[in-house]
């Protein structure tokens, strides 16, 4: 579960050039 959550975050950050807030 932890790896899945970390992978989700990594994908989200990979798709963003800025530093989006979690809610964004």
PDBML (XML) file of the C-alpha atoms, coordinates in Angstrom:
<?xml version="1.0" encoding="UTF-8" ?>
<PDBx:datablock datablockName="MODEL"
   xmlns:PDBx="http://pdbml.pdb.org/schema/pdbx-v50.xsd"
   xmlns:xsi="http://www.w3.org/2001/XMLSchema-instance"
   xsi:schemaLocation="http://pdbml.pdb.org/schema/pdbx-v50.xsd pdbx-v50.xsd">
   <PDBx:atom_siteCategory>
      <PDBx:atom_site id="1">
         <PDBx:B_iso_or_equiv>0.00</PDBx:B_iso_or_equiv>
         <PDBx:Cartn_x>0.000</PDBx:Cartn_x>
         <PDBx:Cartn_y>0.000</PDBx:Cartn_y>
         <PDBx:Cartn_z>0.000</PDBx:Cartn_z>
         <PDBx:auth_asym_id>A</PDBx:auth_asym_id>
         <PDBx:auth_atom_id>CA</PDBx:auth_atom_id>
         <PDBx:auth_comp_id>UNK</PDBx:auth_comp_id>
         <PDBx:auth_seq_id>1</PDBx:auth_seq_id>
         <PDBx:group_PDB>ATOM</PDBx:group_PDB>
         <PDBx:label_alt_id xsi:nil="true" />
         <PDBx:label_asym_id>A</PDBx:label_asym_id>
         <PDBx:label_atom_id>CA</PDBx:label_atom_id>
         <PDBx:label_comp_id>UNK</PDBx:label_comp_id>
         <PDBx:label_entity_id>1</PDBx:label_entity_id>
         <PDBx:label_seq_id>1</PDBx:label_seq_id>
         <PDBx:occupancy>1.00</PDBx:occupancy>
         <PDBx:pdbx_PDB_model_num>1</PDBx:pdbx_PDB_model_num>
         <PDBx:type_symbol>C</PDBx:type_symbol>
      </PDBx:atom_site>
      <PDBx:atom_site id="2">
         <PDBx:B_iso_or_equiv>0.00</PDBx:B_iso_or_equiv>
         <PDBx:Cartn_x>2.806</PDBx:Cartn_x>
         <PDBx:Cartn_y>2.416</PDBx:Cartn_y>
         <PDBx:Cartn_z>0.855</PDBx:Cartn_z>
         <PDBx:auth_asym_id>A</PDBx:auth_asym_id>
         <PDBx:auth_atom_id>CA</PDBx:auth_atom_id>
         <PDBx:auth_comp_id>UNK</PDBx:auth_comp_id>
         <PDBx:auth_seq_id>2</PDBx:auth_seq_id>
         <PDBx:group_PDB>ATOM</PDBx:group_PDB>
         <PDBx:label_alt_id xsi:nil="true" />
         <PDBx:label_asym_id>A</PDBx:label_asym_id>
         <PDBx:label_atom_id>CA</PDBx:label_atom_id>
         <PDBx:label_comp_id>UNK</PDBx:label_comp_id>
         <PDBx:label_entity_id>1</PDBx:label_entity_id>
         <PDBx:label_seq_id>2</PDBx:label_seq_id>
         <PDBx:occupancy>1.00</PDBx:occupancy>
         <PDBx:pdbx_PDB_model_num>1</PDBx:pdbx_PDB_model_num>
         <PDBx:type_symbol>C</PDBx:type_symbol>
      </PDBx:atom_site>
      <PDBx:atom_site id="3">
         <PDBx:B_iso_or_equiv>0.00</PDBx:B_iso_or_equiv>
         <PDBx:Cartn_x>4.606</PDBx:Cartn_x>
         <PDBx:Cartn_y>1.709</PDBx:Cartn_y>
         <PDBx:Cartn_z>-2.439</PDBx:Cartn_z>
         <PDBx:auth_asym_id>A</PDBx:auth_asym_id>
         <PDBx:auth_atom_id>CA</PDBx:auth_atom_id>
         <PDBx:auth_comp_id>UNK</PDBx:auth_comp_id>
         <PDBx:auth_seq_id>3</PDBx:auth_seq_id>
         <PDBx:group_PDB>ATOM</PDBx:group_PDB>
         <PDBx:label_alt_id xsi:nil="true" />
         <PDBx:label_asym_id>A</PDBx:label_asym_id>
         <PDBx:label_atom_id>CA</PDBx:label_atom_id>
         <PDBx:label_comp_id>UNK</PDBx:label_comp_id>
         <PDBx:label_entity_id>1</PDBx:label_entity_id>
         <PDBx:label_seq_id>3</PDBx:label_seq_id>
         <PDBx:occupancy>1.00</PDBx:occupancy>
         <PDBx:pdbx_PDB_model_num>1</PDBx:pdbx_PDB_model_num>
         <PDBx:type_symbol>C</PDBx:type_symbol>
      </PDBx:atom_site>
      <PDBx:atom_site id="4">
         <PDBx:B_iso_or_equiv>0.00</PDBx:B_iso_or_equiv>
         <PDBx:Cartn_x>1.335</PDBx:Cartn_x>
         <PDBx:Cartn_y>2.289</PDBx:Cartn_y>
         <PDBx:Cartn_z>-4.299</PDBx:Cartn_z>
         <PDBx:auth_asym_id>A</PDBx:auth_asym_id>
         <PDBx:auth_atom_id>CA</PDBx:auth_atom_id>
         <PDBx:auth_comp_id>UNK</PDBx:auth_comp_id>
         <PDBx:auth_seq_id>4</PDBx:auth_seq_id>
         <PDBx:group_PDB>ATOM</PDBx:group_PDB>
         <PDBx:label_alt_id xsi:nil="true" />
         <PDBx:label_asym_id>A</PDBx:label_asym_id>
         <PDBx:label_atom_id>CA</PDBx:label_atom_id>
         <PDBx:label_comp_id>UNK</PDBx:label_comp_id>
         <PDBx:label_entity_id>1</PDBx:label_entity_id>
         <PDBx:label_seq_id>4</PDBx:label_seq_id>
         <PDBx:occupancy>1.00</PDBx:occupancy>
         <PDBx:pdbx_PDB_model_num>1</PDBx:pdbx_PDB_model_num>
         <PDBx:type_symbol>C</PDBx:type_symbol>
      </PDBx:atom_site>
      <PDBx:atom_site id="5">
         <PDBx:B_iso_or_equiv>0.00</PDBx:B_iso_or_equiv>
         <PDBx:Cartn_x>0.814</PDBx:Cartn_x>
         <PDBx:Cartn_y>5.645</PDBx:Cartn_y>
         <PDBx:Cartn_z>-2.617</PDBx:Cartn_z>
         <PDBx:auth_asym_id>A</PDBx:auth_asym_id>
         <PDBx:auth_atom_id>CA</PDBx:auth_atom_id>
         <PDBx:auth_comp_id>UNK</PDBx:auth_comp_id>
         <PDBx:auth_seq_id>5</PDBx:auth_seq_id>
         <PDBx:group_PDB>ATOM</PDBx:group_PDB>
         <PDBx:label_alt_id xsi:nil="true" />
         <PDBx:label_asym_id>A</PDBx:label_asym_id>
         <PDBx:label_atom_id>CA</PDBx:label_atom_id>
         <PDBx:label_comp_id>UNK</PDBx:label_comp_id>
         <PDBx:label_entity_id>1</PDBx:label_entity_id>
         <PDBx:label_seq_id>5</PDBx:label_seq_id>
         <PDBx:occupancy>1.00</PDBx:occupancy>
         <PDBx:pdbx_PDB_model_num>1</PDBx:pdbx_PDB_model_num>
         <PDBx:type_symbol>C</PDBx:type_symbol>
      </PDBx:atom_site>
      <PDBx:atom_site id="6">
         <PDBx:B_iso_or_equiv>0.00</PDBx:B_iso_or_equiv>
         <PDBx:Cartn_x>4.417</PDBx:Cartn_x>
         <PDBx:Cartn_y>6.680</PDBx:Cartn_y>
         <PDBx:Cartn_z>-3.281</PDBx:Cartn_z>
         <PDBx:auth_asym_id>A</PDBx:auth_asym_id>
         <PDBx:auth_atom_id>CA</PDBx:auth_atom_id>
         <PDBx:auth_comp_id>UNK</PDBx:auth_comp_id>
         <PDBx:auth_seq_id>6</PDBx:auth_seq_id>
         <PDBx:group_PDB>ATOM</PDBx:group_PDB>
         <PDBx:label_alt_id xsi:nil="true" />
         <PDBx:label_asym_id>A</PDBx:label_asym_id>
         <PDBx:label_atom_id>CA</PDBx:label_atom_id>
         <PDBx:label_comp_id>UNK</PDBx:label_comp_id>
         <PDBx:label_entity_id>1</PDBx:label_entity_id>
         <PDBx:label_seq_id>6</PDBx:label_seq_id>
         <PDBx:occupancy>1.00</PDBx:occupancy>
         <PDBx:pdbx_PDB_model_num>1</PDBx:pdbx_PDB_model_num>
         <PDBx:type_symbol>C</PDBx:type_symbol>
      </PDBx:atom_site>
      <PDBx:atom_site id="7">
         <PDBx:B_iso_or_equiv>0.00</PDBx:B_iso_or_equiv>
         <PDBx:Cartn_x>4.090</PDBx:Cartn_x>
         <PDBx:Cartn_y>5.673</PDBx:Cartn_y>
         <PDBx:Cartn_z>-6.943</PDBx:Cartn_z>
         <PDBx:auth_asym_id>A</PDBx:auth_asym_id>
         <PDBx:auth_atom_id>CA</PDBx:auth_atom_id>
         <PDBx:auth_comp_id>UNK</PDBx:auth_comp_id>
         <PDBx:auth_seq_id>7</PDBx:auth_seq_id>
         <PDBx:group_PDB>ATOM</PDBx:group_PDB>
         <PDBx:label_alt_id xsi:nil="true" />
         <PDBx:label_asym_id>A</PDBx:label_asym_id>
         <PDBx:label_atom_id>CA</PDBx:label_atom_id>
         <PDBx:label_comp_id>UNK</PDBx:label_comp_id>
         <PDBx:label_entity_id>1</PDBx:label_entity_id>
         <PDBx:label_seq_id>7</PDBx:label_seq_id>
         <PDBx:occupancy>1.00</PDBx:occupancy>
         <PDBx:pdbx_PDB_model_num>1</PDBx:pdbx_PDB_model_num>
         <PDBx:type_symbol>C</PDBx:type_symbol>
      </PDBx:atom_site>
      <PDBx:atom_site id="8">
         <PDBx:B_iso_or_equiv>0.00</PDBx:B_iso_or_equiv>
         <PDBx:Cartn_x>0.888</PDBx:Cartn_x>
         <PDBx:Cartn_y>7.719</PDBx:Cartn_y>
         <PDBx:Cartn_z>-7.269</PDBx:Cartn_z>
         <PDBx:auth_asym_id>A</PDBx:auth_asym_id>
         <PDBx:auth_atom_id>CA</PDBx:auth_atom_id>
         <PDBx:auth_comp_id>UNK</PDBx:auth_comp_id>
         <PDBx:auth_seq_id>8</PDBx:auth_seq_id>
         <PDBx:group_PDB>ATOM</PDBx:group_PDB>
         <PDBx:label_alt_id xsi:nil="true" />
         <PDBx:label_asym_id>A</PDBx:label_asym_id>
         <PDBx:label_atom_id>CA</PDBx:label_atom_id>
         <PDBx:label_comp_id>UNK</PDBx:label_comp_id>
         <PDBx:label_entity_id>1</PDBx:label_entity_id>
         <PDBx:label_seq_id>8</PDBx:label_seq_id>
         <PDBx:occupancy>1.00</PDBx:occupancy>
         <PDBx:pdbx_PDB_model_num>1</PDBx:pdbx_PDB_model_num>
         <PDBx:type_symbol>C</PDBx:type_symbol>
      </PDBx:atom_site>
      <PDBx:atom_site id="9">
         <PDBx:B_iso_or_equiv>0.00</PDBx:B_iso_or_equiv>
         <PDBx:Cartn_x>2.673</PDBx:Cartn_x>
         <PDBx:Cartn_y>10.773</PDBx:Cartn_y>
         <PDBx:Cartn_z>-5.864</PDBx:Cartn_z>
         <PDBx:auth_asym_id>A</PDBx:auth_asym_id>
         <PDBx:auth_atom_id>CA</PDBx:auth_atom_id>
         <PDBx:auth_comp_id>UNK</PDBx:auth_comp_id>
         <PDBx:auth_seq_id>9</PDBx:auth_seq_id>
         <PDBx:group_PDB>ATOM</PDBx:group_PDB>
         <PDBx:label_alt_id xsi:nil="true" />
         <PDBx:label_asym_id>A</PDBx:label_asym_id>
         <PDBx:label_atom_id>CA</PDBx:label_atom_id>
         <PDBx:label_comp_id>UNK</PDBx:label_comp_id>
         <PDBx:label_entity_id>1</PDBx:label_entity_id>
         <PDBx:label_seq_id>9</PDBx:label_seq_id>
         <PDBx:occupancy>1.00</PDBx:occupancy>
         <PDBx:pdbx_PDB_model_num>1</PDBx:pdbx_PDB_model_num>
         <PDBx:type_symbol>C</PDBx:type_symbol>
      </PDBx:atom_site>
      <PDBx:atom_site id="10">
         <PDBx:B_iso_or_equiv>0.00</PDBx:B_iso_or_equiv>
         <PDBx:Cartn_x>5.676</PDBx:Cartn_x>
         <PDBx:Cartn_y>10.266</PDBx:Cartn_y>
         <PDBx:Cartn_z>-8.099</PDBx:Cartn_z>
         <PDBx:auth_asym_id>A</PDBx:auth_asym_id>
         <PDBx:auth_atom_id>CA</PDBx:auth_atom_id>
         <PDBx:auth_comp_id>UNK</PDBx:auth_comp_id>
         <PDBx:auth_seq_id>10</PDBx:auth_seq_id>
         <PDBx:group_PDB>ATOM</PDBx:group_PDB>
         <PDBx:label_alt_id xsi:nil="true" />
         <PDBx:label_asym_id>A</PDBx:label_asym_id>
         <PDBx:label_atom_id>CA</PDBx:label_atom_id>
         <PDBx:label_comp_id>UNK</PDBx:label_comp_id>
         <PDBx:label_entity_id>1</PDBx:label_entity_id>
         <PDBx:label_seq_id>10</PDBx:label_seq_id>
         <PDBx:occupancy>1.00</PDBx:occupancy>
         <PDBx:pdbx_PDB_model_num>1</PDBx:pdbx_PDB_model_num>
         <PDBx:type_symbol>C</PDBx:type_symbol>
      </PDBx:atom_site>
      <PDBx:atom_site id="11">
         <PDBx:B_iso_or_equiv>0.00</PDBx:B_iso_or_equiv>
         <PDBx:Cartn_x>3.469</PDBx:Cartn_x>
         <PDBx:Cartn_y>10.070</PDBx:Cartn_y>
         <PDBx:Cartn_z>-11.206</PDBx:Cartn_z>
         <PDBx:auth_asym_id>A</PDBx:auth_asym_id>
         <PDBx:auth_atom_id>CA</PDBx:auth_atom_id>
         <PDBx:auth_comp_id>UNK</PDBx:auth_comp_id>
         <PDBx:auth_seq_id>11</PDBx:auth_seq_id>
         <PDBx:group_PDB>ATOM</PDBx:group_PDB>
         <PDBx:label_alt_id xsi:nil="true" />
         <PDBx:label_asym_id>A</PDBx:label_asym_id>
         <PDBx:label_atom_id>CA</PDBx:label_atom_id>
         <PDBx:label_comp_id>UNK</PDBx:label_comp_id>
         <PDBx:label_entity_id>1</PDBx:label_entity_id>
         <PDBx:label_seq_id>11</PDBx:label_seq_id>
         <PDBx:occupancy>1.00</PDBx:occupancy>
         <PDBx:pdbx_PDB_model_num>1</PDBx:pdbx_PDB_model_num>
         <PDBx:type_symbol>C</PDBx:type_symbol>
      </PDBx:atom_site>
      <PDBx:atom_site id="12">
         <PDBx:B_iso_or_equiv>0.00</PDBx:B_iso_or_equiv>
         <PDBx:Cartn_x>1.620</PDBx:Cartn_x>
         <PDBx:Cartn_y>13.230</PDBx:Cartn_y>
         <PDBx:Cartn_z>-10.158</PDBx:Cartn_z>
         <PDBx:auth_asym_id>A</PDBx:auth_asym_id>
         <PDBx:auth_atom_id>CA</PDBx:auth_atom_id>
         <PDBx:auth_comp_id>UNK</PDBx:auth_comp_id>
         <PDBx:auth_seq_id>12</PDBx:auth_seq_id>
         <PDBx:group_PDB>ATOM</PDBx:group_PDB>
         <PDBx:label_alt_id xsi:nil="true" />
         <PDBx:label_asym_id>A</PDBx:label_asym_id>
         <PDBx:label_atom_id>CA</PDBx:label_atom_id>
         <PDBx:label_comp_id>UNK</PDBx:label_comp_id>
         <PDBx:label_entity_id>1</PDBx:label_entity_id>
         <PDBx:label_seq_id>12</PDBx:label_seq_id>
         <PDBx:occupancy>1.00</PDBx:occupancy>
         <PDBx:pdbx_PDB_model_num>1</PDBx:pdbx_PDB_model_num>
         <PDBx:type_symbol>C</PDBx:type_symbol>
      </PDBx:atom_site>
      <PDBx:atom_site id="13">
         <PDBx:B_iso_or_equiv>0.00</PDBx:B_iso_or_equiv>
         <PDBx:Cartn_x>4.865</PDBx:Cartn_x>
         <PDBx:Cartn_y>15.109</PDBx:Cartn_y>
         <PDBx:Cartn_z>-9.609</PDBx:Cartn_z>
         <PDBx:auth_asym_id>A</PDBx:auth_asym_id>
         <PDBx:auth_atom_id>CA</PDBx:auth_atom_id>
         <PDBx:auth_comp_id>UNK</PDBx:auth_comp_id>
         <PDBx:auth_seq_id>13</PDBx:auth_seq_id>
         <PDBx:group_PDB>ATOM</PDBx:group_PDB>
         <PDBx:label_alt_id xsi:nil="true" />
         <PDBx:label_asym_id>A</PDBx:label_asym_id>
         <PDBx:label_atom_id>CA</PDBx:label_atom_id>
         <PDBx:label_comp_id>UNK</PDBx:label_comp_id>
         <PDBx:label_entity_id>1</PDBx:label_entity_id>
         <PDBx:label_seq_id>13</PDBx:label_seq_id>
         <PDBx:occupancy>1.00</PDBx:occupancy>
         <PDBx:pdbx_PDB_model_num>1</PDBx:pdbx_PDB_model_num>
         <PDBx:type_symbol>C</PDBx:type_symbol>
      </PDBx:atom_site>
      <PDBx:atom_site id="14">
         <PDBx:B_iso_or_equiv>0.00</PDBx:B_iso_or_equiv>
         <PDBx:Cartn_x>6.325</PDBx:Cartn_x>
         <PDBx:Cartn_y>13.783</PDBx:Cartn_y>
         <PDBx:Cartn_z>-12.869</PDBx:Cartn_z>
         <PDBx:auth_asym_id>A</PDBx:auth_asym_id>
         <PDBx:auth_atom_id>CA</PDBx:auth_atom_id>
         <PDBx:auth_comp_id>UNK</PDBx:auth_comp_id>
         <PDBx:auth_seq_id>14</PDBx:auth_seq_id>
         <PDBx:group_PDB>ATOM</PDBx:group_PDB>
         <PDBx:label_alt_id xsi:nil="true" />
         <PDBx:label_asym_id>A</PDBx:label_asym_id>
         <PDBx:label_atom_id>CA</PDBx:label_atom_id>
         <PDBx:label_comp_id>UNK</PDBx:label_comp_id>
         <PDBx:label_entity_id>1</PDBx:label_entity_id>
         <PDBx:label_seq_id>14</PDBx:label_seq_id>
         <PDBx:occupancy>1.00</PDBx:occupancy>
         <PDBx:pdbx_PDB_model_num>1</PDBx:pdbx_PDB_model_num>
         <PDBx:type_symbol>C</PDBx:type_symbol>
      </PDBx:atom_site>
      <PDBx:atom_site id="15">
         <PDBx:B_iso_or_equiv>0.00</PDBx:B_iso_or_equiv>
         <PDBx:Cartn_x>3.347</PDBx:Cartn_x>
         <PDBx:Cartn_y>15.300</PDBx:Cartn_y>
         <PDBx:Cartn_z>-14.709</PDBx:Cartn_z>
         <PDBx:auth_asym_id>A</PDBx:auth_asym_id>
         <PDBx:auth_atom_id>CA</PDBx:auth_atom_id>
         <PDBx:auth_comp_id>UNK</PDBx:auth_comp_id>
         <PDBx:auth_seq_id>15</PDBx:auth_seq_id>
         <PDBx:group_PDB>ATOM</PDBx:group_PDB>
         <PDBx:label_alt_id xsi:nil="true" />
         <PDBx:label_asym_id>A</PDBx:label_asym_id>
         <PDBx:label_atom_id>CA</PDBx:label_atom_id>
         <PDBx:label_comp_id>UNK</PDBx:label_comp_id>
         <PDBx:label_entity_id>1</PDBx:label_entity_id>
         <PDBx:label_seq_id>15</PDBx:label_seq_id>
         <PDBx:occupancy>1.00</PDBx:occupancy>
         <PDBx:pdbx_PDB_model_num>1</PDBx:pdbx_PDB_model_num>
         <PDBx:type_symbol>C</PDBx:type_symbol>
      </PDBx:atom_site>
      <PDBx:atom_site id="16">
         <PDBx:B_iso_or_equiv>0.00</PDBx:B_iso_or_equiv>
         <PDBx:Cartn_x>3.733</PDBx:Cartn_x>
         <PDBx:Cartn_y>18.703</PDBx:Cartn_y>
         <PDBx:Cartn_z>-13.090</PDBx:Cartn_z>
         <PDBx:auth_asym_id>A</PDBx:auth_asym_id>
         <PDBx:auth_atom_id>CA</PDBx:auth_atom_id>
         <PDBx:auth_comp_id>UNK</PDBx:auth_comp_id>
         <PDBx:auth_seq_id>16</PDBx:auth_seq_id>
         <PDBx:group_PDB>ATOM</PDBx:group_PDB>
         <PDBx:label_alt_id xsi:nil="true" />
         <PDBx:label_asym_id>A</PDBx:label_asym_id>
         <PDBx:label_atom_id>CA</PDBx:label_atom_id>
         <PDBx:label_comp_id>UNK</PDBx:label_comp_id>
         <PDBx:label_entity_id>1</PDBx:label_entity_id>
         <PDBx:label_seq_id>16</PDBx:label_seq_id>
         <PDBx:occupancy>1.00</PDBx:occupancy>
         <PDBx:pdbx_PDB_model_num>1</PDBx:pdbx_PDB_model_num>
         <PDBx:type_symbol>C</PDBx:type_symbol>
      </PDBx:atom_site>
      <PDBx:atom_site id="17">
         <PDBx:B_iso_or_equiv>0.00</PDBx:B_iso_or_equiv>
         <PDBx:Cartn_x>6.473</PDBx:Cartn_x>
         <PDBx:Cartn_y>21.237</PDBx:Cartn_y>
         <PDBx:Cartn_z>-13.696</PDBx:Cartn_z>
         <PDBx:auth_asym_id>A</PDBx:auth_asym_id>
         <PDBx:auth_atom_id>CA</PDBx:auth_atom_id>
         <PDBx:auth_comp_id>UNK</PDBx:auth_comp_id>
         <PDBx:auth_seq_id>17</PDBx:auth_seq_id>
         <PDBx:group_PDB>ATOM</PDBx:group_PDB>
         <PDBx:label_alt_id xsi:nil="true" />
         <PDBx:label_asym_id>A</PDBx:label_asym_id>
         <PDBx:label_atom_id>CA</PDBx:label_atom_id>
         <PDBx:label_comp_id>UNK</PDBx:label_comp_id>
         <PDBx:label_entity_id>1</PDBx:label_entity_id>
         <PDBx:label_seq_id>17</PDBx:label_seq_id>
         <PDBx:occupancy>1.00</PDBx:occupancy>
         <PDBx:pdbx_PDB_model_num>1</PDBx:pdbx_PDB_model_num>
         <PDBx:type_symbol>C</PDBx:type_symbol>
      </PDBx:atom_site>
      <PDBx:atom_site id="18">
         <PDBx:B_iso_or_equiv>0.00</PDBx:B_iso_or_equiv>
         <PDBx:Cartn_x>5.475</PDBx:Cartn_x>
         <PDBx:Cartn_y>23.252</PDBx:Cartn_y>
         <PDBx:Cartn_z>-10.635</PDBx:Cartn_z>
         <PDBx:auth_asym_id>A</PDBx:auth_asym_id>
         <PDBx:auth_atom_id>CA</PDBx:auth_atom_id>
         <PDBx:auth_comp_id>UNK</PDBx:auth_comp_id>
         <PDBx:auth_seq_id>18</PDBx:auth_seq_id>
         <PDBx:group_PDB>ATOM</PDBx:group_PDB>
         <PDBx:label_alt_id xsi:nil="true" />
         <PDBx:label_asym_id>A</PDBx:label_asym_id>
         <PDBx:label_atom_id>CA</PDBx:label_atom_id>
         <PDBx:label_comp_id>UNK</PDBx:label_comp_id>
         <PDBx:label_entity_id>1</PDBx:label_entity_id>
         <PDBx:label_seq_id>18</PDBx:label_seq_id>
         <PDBx:occupancy>1.00</PDBx:occupancy>
         <PDBx:pdbx_PDB_model_num>1</PDBx:pdbx_PDB_model_num>
         <PDBx:type_symbol>C</PDBx:type_symbol>
      </PDBx:atom_site>
      <PDBx:atom_site id="19">
         <PDBx:B_iso_or_equiv>0.00</PDBx:B_iso_or_equiv>
         <PDBx:Cartn_x>5.008</PDBx:Cartn_x>
         <PDBx:Cartn_y>22.222</PDBx:Cartn_y>
         <PDBx:Cartn_z>-7.027</PDBx:Cartn_z>
         <PDBx:auth_asym_id>A</PDBx:auth_asym_id>
         <PDBx:auth_atom_id>CA</PDBx:auth_atom_id>
         <PDBx:auth_comp_id>UNK</PDBx:auth_comp_id>
         <PDBx:auth_seq_id>19</PDBx:auth_seq_id>
         <PDBx:group_PDB>ATOM</PDBx:group_PDB>
         <PDBx:label_alt_id xsi:nil="true" />
         <PDBx:label_asym_id>A</PDBx:label_asym_id>
         <PDBx:label_atom_id>CA</PDBx:label_atom_id>
         <PDBx:label_comp_id>UNK</PDBx:label_comp_id>
         <PDBx:label_entity_id>1</PDBx:label_entity_id>
         <PDBx:label_seq_id>19</PDBx:label_seq_id>
         <PDBx:occupancy>1.00</PDBx:occupancy>
         <PDBx:pdbx_PDB_model_num>1</PDBx:pdbx_PDB_model_num>
         <PDBx:type_symbol>C</PDBx:type_symbol>
      </PDBx:atom_site>
      <PDBx:atom_site id="20">
         <PDBx:B_iso_or_equiv>0.00</PDBx:B_iso_or_equiv>
         <PDBx:Cartn_x>1.265</PDBx:Cartn_x>
         <PDBx:Cartn_y>21.634</PDBx:Cartn_y>
         <PDBx:Cartn_z>-6.796</PDBx:Cartn_z>
         <PDBx:auth_asym_id>A</PDBx:auth_asym_id>
         <PDBx:auth_atom_id>CA</PDBx:auth_atom_id>
         <PDBx:auth_comp_id>UNK</PDBx:auth_comp_id>
         <PDBx:auth_seq_id>20</PDBx:auth_seq_id>
         <PDBx:group_PDB>ATOM</PDBx:group_PDB>
         <PDBx:label_alt_id xsi:nil="true" />
         <PDBx:label_asym_id>A</PDBx:label_asym_id>
         <PDBx:label_atom_id>CA</PDBx:label_atom_id>
         <PDBx:label_comp_id>UNK</PDBx:label_comp_id>
         <PDBx:label_entity_id>1</PDBx:label_entity_id>
         <PDBx:label_seq_id>20</PDBx:label_seq_id>
         <PDBx:occupancy>1.00</PDBx:occupancy>
         <PDBx:pdbx_PDB_model_num>1</PDBx:pdbx_PDB_model_num>
         <PDBx:type_symbol>C</PDBx:type_symbol>
      </PDBx:atom_site>
      <PDBx:atom_site id="21">
         <PDBx:B_iso_or_equiv>0.00</PDBx:B_iso_or_equiv>
         <PDBx:Cartn_x>-0.322</PDBx:Cartn_x>
         <PDBx:Cartn_y>21.470</PDBx:Cartn_y>
         <PDBx:Cartn_z>-3.376</PDBx:Cartn_z>
         <PDBx:auth_asym_id>A</PDBx:auth_asym_id>
         <PDBx:auth_atom_id>CA</PDBx:auth_atom_id>
         <PDBx:auth_comp_id>UNK</PDBx:auth_comp_id>
         <PDBx:auth_seq_id>21</PDBx:auth_seq_id>
         <PDBx:group_PDB>ATOM</PDBx:group_PDB>
         <PDBx:label_alt_id xsi:nil="true" />
         <PDBx:label_asym_id>A</PDBx:label_asym_id>
         <PDBx:label_atom_id>CA</PDBx:label_atom_id>
         <PDBx:label_comp_id>UNK</PDBx:label_comp_id>
         <PDBx:label_entity_id>1</PDBx:label_entity_id>
         <PDBx:label_seq_id>21</PDBx:label_seq_id>
         <PDBx:occupancy>1.00</PDBx:occupancy>
         <PDBx:pdbx_PDB_model_num>1</PDBx:pdbx_PDB_model_num>
         <PDBx:type_symbol>C</PDBx:type_symbol>
      </PDBx:atom_site>
      <PDBx:atom_site id="22">
         <PDBx:B_iso_or_equiv>0.00</PDBx:B_iso_or_equiv>
         <PDBx:Cartn_x>-1.848</PDBx:Cartn_x>
         <PDBx:Cartn_y>18.087</PDBx:Cartn_y>
         <PDBx:Cartn_z>-2.456</PDBx:Cartn_z>
         <PDBx:auth_asym_id>A</PDBx:auth_asym_id>
         <PDBx:auth_atom_id>CA</PDBx:auth_atom_id>
         <PDBx:auth_comp_id>UNK</PDBx:auth_comp_id>
         <PDBx:auth_seq_id>22</PDBx:auth_seq_id>
         <PDBx:group_PDB>ATOM</PDBx:group_PDB>
         <PDBx:label_alt_id xsi:nil="true" />
         <PDBx:label_asym_id>A</PDBx:label_asym_id>
         <PDBx:label_atom_id>CA</PDBx:label_atom_id>
         <PDBx:label_comp_id>UNK</PDBx:label_comp_id>
         <PDBx:label_entity_id>1</PDBx:label_entity_id>
         <PDBx:label_seq_id>22</PDBx:label_seq_id>
         <PDBx:occupancy>1.00</PDBx:occupancy>
         <PDBx:pdbx_PDB_model_num>1</PDBx:pdbx_PDB_model_num>
         <PDBx:type_symbol>C</PDBx:type_symbol>
      </PDBx:atom_site>
      <PDBx:atom_site id="23">
         <PDBx:B_iso_or_equiv>0.00</PDBx:B_iso_or_equiv>
         <PDBx:Cartn_x>-5.412</PDBx:Cartn_x>
         <PDBx:Cartn_y>19.393</PDBx:Cartn_y>
         <PDBx:Cartn_z>-2.859</PDBx:Cartn_z>
         <PDBx:auth_asym_id>A</PDBx:auth_asym_id>
         <PDBx:auth_atom_id>CA</PDBx:auth_atom_id>
         <PDBx:auth_comp_id>UNK</PDBx:auth_comp_id>
         <PDBx:auth_seq_id>23</PDBx:auth_seq_id>
         <PDBx:group_PDB>ATOM</PDBx:group_PDB>
         <PDBx:label_alt_id xsi:nil="true" />
         <PDBx:label_asym_id>A</PDBx:label_asym_id>
         <PDBx:label_atom_id>CA</PDBx:label_atom_id>
         <PDBx:label_comp_id>UNK</PDBx:label_comp_id>
         <PDBx:label_entity_id>1</PDBx:label_entity_id>
         <PDBx:label_seq_id>23</PDBx:label_seq_id>
         <PDBx:occupancy>1.00</PDBx:occupancy>
         <PDBx:pdbx_PDB_model_num>1</PDBx:pdbx_PDB_model_num>
         <PDBx:type_symbol>C</PDBx:type_symbol>
      </PDBx:atom_site>
      <PDBx:atom_site id="24">
         <PDBx:B_iso_or_equiv>0.00</PDBx:B_iso_or_equiv>
         <PDBx:Cartn_x>-4.563</PDBx:Cartn_x>
         <PDBx:Cartn_y>20.633</PDBx:Cartn_y>
         <PDBx:Cartn_z>-6.368</PDBx:Cartn_z>
         <PDBx:auth_asym_id>A</PDBx:auth_asym_id>
         <PDBx:auth_atom_id>CA</PDBx:auth_atom_id>
         <PDBx:auth_comp_id>UNK</PDBx:auth_comp_id>
         <PDBx:auth_seq_id>24</PDBx:auth_seq_id>
         <PDBx:group_PDB>ATOM</PDBx:group_PDB>
         <PDBx:label_alt_id xsi:nil="true" />
         <PDBx:label_asym_id>A</PDBx:label_asym_id>
         <PDBx:label_atom_id>CA</PDBx:label_atom_id>
         <PDBx:label_comp_id>UNK</PDBx:label_comp_id>
         <PDBx:label_entity_id>1</PDBx:label_entity_id>
         <PDBx:label_seq_id>24</PDBx:label_seq_id>
         <PDBx:occupancy>1.00</PDBx:occupancy>
         <PDBx:pdbx_PDB_model_num>1</PDBx:pdbx_PDB_model_num>
         <PDBx:type_symbol>C</PDBx:type_symbol>
      </PDBx:atom_site>
   </PDBx:atom_siteCategory>
</PDBx:datablock>
